[in-house]
C-alpha atoms as a PDB file:
ATOM      1  CA  MET A   1      -0.019   0.015   0.014  1.00  0.00           C
ATOM      2  CA  SER A   2       1.381   3.289  -0.988  1.00  0.00           C
ATOM      3  CA  THR A   3       1.864   6.291   1.252  1.00  0.00           C
ATOM      4  CA  ARG A   4      -0.697   8.101  -0.850  1.00  0.00           C
ATOM      5  CA  THR A   5      -3.299   5.319  -0.334  1.00  0.00           C
ATOM      6  CA  GLN A   6      -2.632   5.434   3.466  1.00  0.00           C
ATOM      7  CA  SER A   7      -3.042   9.216   3.476  1.00  0.00           C
ATOM      8  CA  ILE A   8      -6.422   8.945   1.685  1.00  0.00           C
ATOM      9  CA  ASP A   9      -7.532   6.165   4.005  1.00  0.00           C
ATOM     10  CA  GLU A  10      -6.536   8.261   7.008  1.00  0.00           C
ATOM     11  CA  LEU A  11      -8.376  11.327   5.636  1.00  0.00           C
ATOM     12  CA  GLU A  12     -11.481   9.200   5.129  1.00  0.00           C
ATOM     13  CA  ARG A  13     -11.231   7.814   8.677  1.00  0.00           C
ATOM     14  CA  ARG A  14     -10.884  11.290  10.081  1.00  0.00           C
ATOM     15  CA  ALA A  15     -13.749  12.608   7.980  1.00  0.00           C
ATOM     16  CA  GLU A  16     -15.955   9.760   9.216  1.00  0.00           C
ATOM     17  CA  LEU A  17     -15.021  10.499  12.870  1.00  0.00           C
ATOM     18  CA  SER A  18     -15.787  14.224  12.293  1.00  0.00           C
ATOM     19  CA  ARG A  19     -19.075  13.375  10.660  1.00  0.00           C
ATOM     20  CA  GLU A  20     -20.024  11.185  13.699  1.00  0.00           C
ATOM     21  CA  ALA A  21     -19.048  13.876  16.180  1.00  0.00           C
ATOM     22  CA  PHE A  22     -21.016  16.455  14.190  1.00  0.00           C
ATOM     23  CA  ALA A  23     -24.109  14.140  14.190  1.00  0.00           C
ATOM     24  CA  ARG A  24     -23.820  13.678  17.955  1.00  0.00           C
ATOM     25  CA  THR A  25     -23.576  17.471  18.463  1.00  0.00           C
ATOM     26  CA  VAL A  26     -26.721  18.032  16.264  1.00  0.00           C
ATOM     27  CA  ASP A  27     -28.600  15.376  18.207  1.00  0.00           C
ATOM     28  CA  GLN A  28     -27.568  16.951  21.482  1.00  0.00           C
ATOM     29  CA  LEU A  29     -28.600  20.442  20.333  1.00  0.00           C
ATOM     30  CA  ARG A  30     -32.015  19.073  19.182  1.00  0.00           C
ATOM     31  CA  ALA A  31     -32.570  17.537  22.570  1.00  0.00           C
ATOM     32  CA  GLU A  32     -31.592  20.766  24.360  1.00  0.00           C
ATOM     33  CA  LEU A  33     -33.844  22.838  22.091  1.00  0.00           C
ATOM     34  CA  SER A  34     -36.726  20.442  22.694  1.00  0.00           C
ATOM     35  CA  ASP A  35     -36.183  20.679  26.500  1.00  0.00           C
ATOM     36  CA  THR A  36     -36.110  24.505  26.251  1.00  0.00           C
ATOM     37  CA  SER A  37     -39.204  24.562  24.070  1.00  0.00           C
ATOM     38  CA  HIS A  38     -41.172  22.348  26.628  1.00  0.00           C
ATOM     39  CA  SER A  39     -39.925  24.512  29.468  1.00  0.00           C
ATOM     40  CA  LEU A  40     -40.917  27.687  27.763  1.00  0.00           C
ATOM     41  CA  ARG A  41     -44.436  26.325  26.891  1.00  0.00           C
ATOM     42  CA  ALA A  42     -44.828  25.328  30.575  1.00  0.00           C
ATOM     43  CA  THR A  43     -43.839  28.865  31.668  1.00  0.00           C
ATOM     44  CA  VAL A  44     -46.360  30.595  29.331  1.00  0.00           C
ATOM     45  CA  SER A  45     -49.152  28.191  29.841  1.00  0.00           C
ATOM     46  CA  PRO A  46     -52.354  29.804  31.321  1.00  0.00           C
ATOM     47  CA  ASP A  47     -51.969  27.641  34.459  1.00  0.00           C
ATOM     48  CA  ALA A  48     -48.441  28.732  35.074  1.00  0.00           C
ATOM     49  CA  ILE A  49     -49.334  32.417  34.528  1.00  0.00           C
ATOM     50  CA  LYS A  50     -52.290  32.089  36.878  1.00  0.00           C
ATOM     51  CA  SER A  51     -50.103  30.514  39.489  1.00  0.00           C
ATOM     52  CA  GLU A  52     -47.489  33.334  39.080  1.00  0.00           C
ATOM     53  CA  LEU A  53     -50.316  35.998  39.370  1.00  0.00           C
ATOM     54  CA  LYS A  54     -51.682  34.364  42.548  1.00  0.00           C
ATOM     55  CA  ASP A  55     -48.230  34.377  44.184  1.00  0.00           C
ATOM     56  CA  GLY A  56     -46.984  37.793  42.952  1.00  0.00           C
ATOM     57  CA  GLY A  57     -49.994  39.976  42.203  1.00  0.00           C
ATOM     58  CA  PRO A  58     -50.790  41.654  38.879  1.00  0.00           C
ATOM     59  CA  TYR A  59     -47.905  42.159  36.487  1.00  0.00           C
ATOM     60  CA  PHE A  60     -47.188  45.079  34.111  1.00  0.00           C
ATOM     61  CA  PHE A  61     -46.100  44.411  30.541  1.00  0.00           C
ATOM     62  CA  PRO A  62     -45.265  47.355  28.233  1.00  0.00           C
ATOM     63  CA  ASP A  63     -46.821  47.528  24.791  1.00  0.00           C
ATOM     64  CA  PRO A  64     -44.515  45.230  22.736  1.00  0.00           C
ATOM     65  CA  PHE A  65     -44.937  47.572  19.789  1.00  0.00           C
ATOM     66  CA  GLY A  66     -44.056  50.734  21.622  1.00  0.00           C
ATOM     67  CA  GLY A  67     -47.490  52.252  21.718  1.00  0.00           C
ATOM     68  CA  ASP A  68     -49.993  52.927  24.499  1.00  0.00           C
ATOM     69  CA  ARG A  69     -51.390  49.440  24.833  1.00  0.00           C
ATOM     70  CA  ASN A  70     -49.632  48.406  28.022  1.00  0.00           C
ATOM     71  CA  ILE A  71     -50.999  45.353  29.770  1.00  0.00           C
ATOM     72  CA  LEU A  72     -51.743  44.665  33.424  1.00  0.00           C
ATOM     73  CA  LEU A  73     -52.124  40.939  33.746  1.00  0.00           C
ATOM     74  CA  ALA A  74     -54.411  40.007  36.667  1.00  0.00           C
ATOM     75  CA  ILE A  75     -56.816  37.429  37.932  1.00  0.00           C
ATOM     76  CA  GLU A  76     -60.496  38.366  37.931  1.00  0.00           C
ATOM     77  CA  GLY A  77     -63.145  35.856  38.890  1.00  0.00           C
ATOM     78  CA  GLY A  78     -60.575  33.038  38.775  1.00  0.00           C
ATOM     79  CA  LYS A  79     -59.562  33.851  35.191  1.00  0.00           C
ATOM     80  CA  VAL A  80     -56.532  35.660  33.784  1.00  0.00           C
ATOM     81  CA  VAL A  81     -57.399  39.026  32.270  1.00  0.00           C
ATOM     82  CA  ALA A  82     -55.270  41.447  30.307  1.00  0.00           C
ATOM     83  CA  LEU A  83     -56.234  44.889  31.569  1.00  0.00           C
ATOM     84  CA  SER A  84     -55.552  48.256  29.912  1.00  0.00           C
ATOM     85  CA  ASP A  85     -53.415  50.558  32.040  1.00  0.00           C
ATOM     86  CA  ILE A  86     -55.356  53.651  30.880  1.00  0.00           C
ATOM     87  CA  LEU A  87     -58.186  54.751  33.078  1.00  0.00           C
ATOM     88  CA  PRO A  88     -61.450  54.543  31.153  1.00  0.00           C
ATOM     89  CA  GLY A  89     -62.740  57.916  29.942  1.00  0.00           C
ATOM     90  CA  THR A  90     -59.206  59.456  29.876  1.00  0.00           C
ATOM     91  CA  ARG A  91     -56.547  59.596  27.224  1.00  0.00           C
ATOM     92  CA  ASP A  92     -53.490  59.218  29.436  1.00  0.00           C
ATOM     93  CA  CYS A  93     -54.299  58.638  33.097  1.00  0.00           C
ATOM     94  CA  ARG A  94     -52.165  55.552  33.822  1.00  0.00           C
ATOM     95  CA  VAL A  95     -53.271  52.791  36.225  1.00  0.00           C
ATOM     96  CA  ARG A  96     -50.701  50.796  38.166  1.00  0.00           C
ATOM     97  CA  TRP A  97     -50.758  48.101  40.799  1.00  0.00           C
ATOM     98  CA  ARG A  98     -49.711  49.074  44.301  1.00  0.00           C
ATOM     99  CA  GLY A  99     -48.967  45.908  46.205  1.00  0.00           C
ATOM    100  CA  SER A 100     -48.542  47.801  49.472  1.00  0.00           C
ATOM    101  CA  ILE A 101     -52.253  48.562  49.506  1.00  0.00           C
ATOM    102  CA  ASP A 102     -53.278  45.495  47.412  1.00  0.00           C
ATOM    103  CA  SER A 103     -55.095  47.703  44.862  1.00  0.00           C
ATOM    104  CA  PHE A 104     -54.924  49.270  41.494  1.00  0.00           C
ATOM    105  CA  VAL A 105     -54.566  53.067  41.604  1.00  0.00           C
ATOM    106  CA  ASP A 106     -54.936  55.702  38.870  1.00  0.00           C
ATOM    107  CA  CYS A 107     -52.900  58.745  38.142  1.00  0.00           C
ATOM    108  CA  ARG A 108     -54.617  60.627  41.030  1.00  0.00           C
ATOM    109  CA  ASP A 109     -53.924  57.679  43.484  1.00  0.00           C
ATOM    110  CA  ASP A 110     -57.656  56.779  43.570  1.00  0.00           C
ATOM    111  CA  LYS A 111     -58.185  53.023  44.217  1.00  0.00           C
ATOM    112  CA  LEU A 112     -59.718  50.877  41.488  1.00  0.00           C
ATOM    113  CA  GLN A 113     -60.844  47.265  41.099  1.00  0.00           C
ATOM    114  CA  SER A 114     -59.969  45.211  38.038  1.00  0.00           C
ATOM    115  CA  ASP A 115     -63.617  45.172  36.978  1.00  0.00           C
ATOM    116  CA  GLN A 116     -63.421  48.989  36.531  1.00  0.00           C
ATOM    117  CA  LEU A 117     -60.771  48.756  33.811  1.00  0.00           C
ATOM    118  CA  ASN A 118     -60.957  48.196  30.089  1.00  0.00           C
ATOM    119  CA  ARG A 119     -59.350  44.952  28.900  1.00  0.00           C
ATOM    120  CA  TYR A 120     -57.973  43.264  25.774  1.00  0.00           C
ATOM    121  CA  ARG A 121     -59.458  40.138  24.354  1.00  0.00           C
ATOM    122  CA  THR A 122     -57.732  36.969  25.476  1.00  0.00           C
ATOM    123  CA  GLU A 123     -58.077  33.327  24.509  1.00  0.00           C
ATOM    124  CA  ILE A 124     -56.201  30.054  24.822  1.00  0.00           C
ATOM    125  CA  GLY A 125     -54.714  28.836  21.556  1.00  0.00           C
ATOM    126  CA  VAL A 126     -56.372  25.561  20.505  1.00  0.00           C
ATOM    127  CA  THR A 127     -54.216  24.469  17.508  1.00  0.00           C
ATOM    128  CA  GLY A 128     -50.837  24.824  15.986  1.00  0.00           C
ATOM    129  CA  ALA A 129     -47.826  26.513  17.548  1.00  0.00           C
ATOM    130  CA  ASN A 130     -50.008  28.530  19.938  1.00  0.00           C
ATOM    131  CA  LYS A 131     -51.892  25.492  21.297  1.00  0.00           C
ATOM    132  CA  GLY A 132     -52.333  25.915  25.065  1.00  0.00           C
ATOM    133  CA  GLU A 133     -50.847  29.441  25.190  1.00  0.00           C
ATOM    134  CA  LEU A 134     -52.505  32.551  26.476  1.00  0.00           C
ATOM    135  CA  LEU A 135     -53.040  34.893  23.513  1.00  0.00           C
ATOM    136  CA  ILE A 136     -53.766  38.641  23.967  1.00  0.00           C
ATOM    137  CA  ASP A 137     -55.263  40.584  21.110  1.00  0.00           C
ATOM    138  CA  LEU A 138     -53.964  44.145  21.451  1.00  0.00           C
ATOM    139  CA  ARG A 139     -56.145  45.244  18.470  1.00  0.00           C
ATOM    140  CA  HIS A 140     -59.278  44.961  20.497  1.00  0.00           C
ATOM    141  CA  ARG A 141     -59.620  47.010  23.676  1.00  0.00           C
ATOM    142  CA  GLU A 142     -62.933  46.205  25.278  1.00  0.00           C
ATOM    143  CA  PRO A 143     -64.798  48.276  27.877  1.00  0.00           C
ATOM    144  CA  ALA A 144     -64.800  47.311  31.528  1.00  0.00           C
ATOM    145  CA  PRO A 145     -67.726  45.012  32.405  1.00  0.00           C
ATOM    146  CA  GLN A 146     -71.036  46.630  33.296  1.00  0.00           C
ATOM    147  CA  PRO A 147     -72.030  46.305  36.946  1.00  0.00           C
ATOM    148  CA  ALA A 148     -74.632  43.624  37.486  1.00  0.00           C
END
């Protein structure tokens, strides 16, 4: 066997070892991505969000598009609601959660209940990539519920 044949055989052996190592790395990355995806889905599931809200009170989320559609995620009647942080009837009186008094307050520090605030449509995804996730439609701001 010539030196050249040995060199080609060695290169082929090294290439095969590299291919096998690459395939193992790809398999490992797929497994890690899958684990991360399952973990993320569990974190954004409605049940996980509801649990977080029960433990930590309402949460503020700024408008993801940089506008004036900020969200106050809260629990109302046992369900997760996405509330507007603008006091109904005003253009810019912001509402925030004050945990120290366990209440929403407006720009004048007047106390409010969640059922006095406008809200965004929410639903739980039923198919596809959004299945089981809480979806908030910022295109539709709905009025606060009417008192019974």
